[in-house]
Amino acid sequence: MGDGVAKGNNPVLWEKFLADLDEKLQLGLLDRMRRVQAYHFESDTLFLEPGSKEDEAYLQKSAQFTQLCLLAQDSTGVTEVKFRSVIPSEE
């Protein structure tokens, strides 16, 4: 997806989330959220497809994941964040 734009079902809420990350100076998370391949808001859950294996590994680290969940909850009202990995493992 070379256009650099994440695809999802609620672009207004997604842009609000990105703007809130920017406003709170969460630049590490903001950079990775901008590289997300796809997102999907479903009920109280935000599903994310990270842009790379490195981004996925970073976002799944305990401290970053907790921070991501808290910021997403505050910004969008979701109660849970889950990953949908579309990146095949290199085995």
Protein backbone atom coordinates (compact mmCIF):
# COMPACT_ATOMS: atom_id res chain seq x y z
CA MET A 1 0.00 0.00 0.00
CA GLY A 2 2.40 2.58 -1.23
CA ASP A 3 0.20 5.61 -0.64
CA GLY A 4 1.02 5.63 3.08
CA VAL A 5 -2.63 5.86 4.05
CA ALA A 6 -4.11 3.26 6.37
CA LYS A 7 -7.33 1.72 5.23
CA GLY A 8 -10.18 1.24 7.64
CA ASN A 9 -13.84 1.59 8.38
CA ASN A 10 -13.90 4.93 10.25
CA PRO A 11 -11.46 7.51 8.85
CA VAL A 12 -12.86 10.34 11.00
CA LEU A 13 -12.27 8.46 14.25
CA TRP A 14 -8.86 7.24 13.01
CA GLU A 15 -7.77 10.80 12.19
CA LYS A 16 -8.98 11.95 15.62
CA PHE A 17 -6.85 9.23 17.22
CA LEU A 18 -3.78 10.30 15.22
CA ALA A 19 -4.40 13.96 16.06
CA ASP A 20 -4.70 13.10 19.76
CA LEU A 21 -1.41 11.17 19.65
CA ASP A 22 0.23 14.18 18.00
CA GLU A 23 -1.26 16.59 20.54
CA LYS A 24 -0.01 14.45 23.43
CA LEU A 25 3.44 14.25 21.83
CA GLN A 26 3.28 10.46 21.54
CA LEU A 27 5.52 10.62 18.50
CA GLY A 28 6.82 7.03 18.68
CA LEU A 29 3.30 5.62 18.66
CA LEU A 30 2.11 8.21 16.15
CA ASP A 31 4.83 7.22 13.69
CA ARG A 32 3.88 3.56 13.95
CA MET A 33 0.14 4.27 13.72
CA ARG A 34 0.74 6.25 10.54
CA ARG A 35 2.41 3.15 9.07
CA VAL A 36 -0.47 0.82 9.97
CA GLN A 37 -1.64 -1.07 6.87
CA ALA A 38 -5.25 -1.33 8.03
CA TYR A 39 -7.43 -0.67 11.05
CA HIS A 40 -10.96 -1.62 11.95
CA PHE A 41 -13.19 -0.30 14.72
CA GLU A 42 -15.61 -3.04 15.75
CA SER A 43 -17.86 -2.52 18.76
CA ASP A 44 -15.43 -1.64 21.58
CA THR A 45 -12.32 -3.06 19.88
CA LEU A 46 -9.72 -1.49 17.62
CA PHE A 47 -8.06 -4.03 15.31
CA LEU A 48 -4.70 -3.04 13.84
CA GLU A 49 -2.59 -4.53 11.05
CA PRO A 50 0.92 -3.17 11.64
CA GLY A 51 2.97 -1.93 8.70
CA SER A 52 6.00 -4.11 9.41
CA LYS A 53 7.23 -6.93 11.62
CA GLU A 54 9.34 -4.39 13.51
CA ASP A 55 6.33 -2.17 14.18
CA GLU A 56 4.30 -5.17 15.32
CA ALA A 57 7.06 -6.29 17.69
CA TYR A 58 7.39 -2.75 19.10
CA LEU A 59 3.65 -2.32 19.62
CA GLN A 60 3.31 -5.69 21.33
CA LYS A 61 5.91 -4.87 23.99
CA SER A 62 4.16 -4.61 27.35
CA ALA A 63 4.83 -0.92 28.05
CA GLN A 64 4.00 0.27 24.53
CA PHE A 65 0.90 -1.92 24.29
CA THR A 66 -0.42 -0.63 27.62
CA GLN A 67 0.22 2.95 26.53
CA LEU A 68 -1.45 2.31 23.16
CA CYS A 69 -4.53 0.82 24.84
CA LEU A 70 -4.88 3.70 27.28
CA LEU A 71 -4.48 6.35 24.59
CA ALA A 72 -6.88 4.57 22.22
CA GLN A 73 -9.44 4.23 24.99
CA ASP A 74 -9.17 7.92 25.88
CA SER A 75 -9.31 9.09 22.26
CA THR A 76 -11.77 6.72 20.61
CA GLY A 77 -13.68 5.04 23.43
CA VAL A 78 -12.52 1.51 22.60
CA THR A 79 -11.85 -0.81 25.50
CA GLU A 80 -9.53 -3.21 23.69
CA VAL A 81 -6.82 -3.17 21.03
CA LYS A 82 -5.98 -6.32 19.06
CA PHE A 83 -3.55 -7.09 16.26
CA ARG A 84 -4.30 -8.84 13.01
CA SER A 85 -0.92 -9.84 11.74
CA VAL A 86 -0.79 -9.95 7.96
CA ILE A 87 2.96 -10.25 7.87
CA PRO A 88 4.07 -13.85 7.35
CA SER A 89 6.65 -15.18 9.75
CA GLU A 90 10.06 -15.94 8.28
CA GLU A 91 10.64 -19.55 9.28
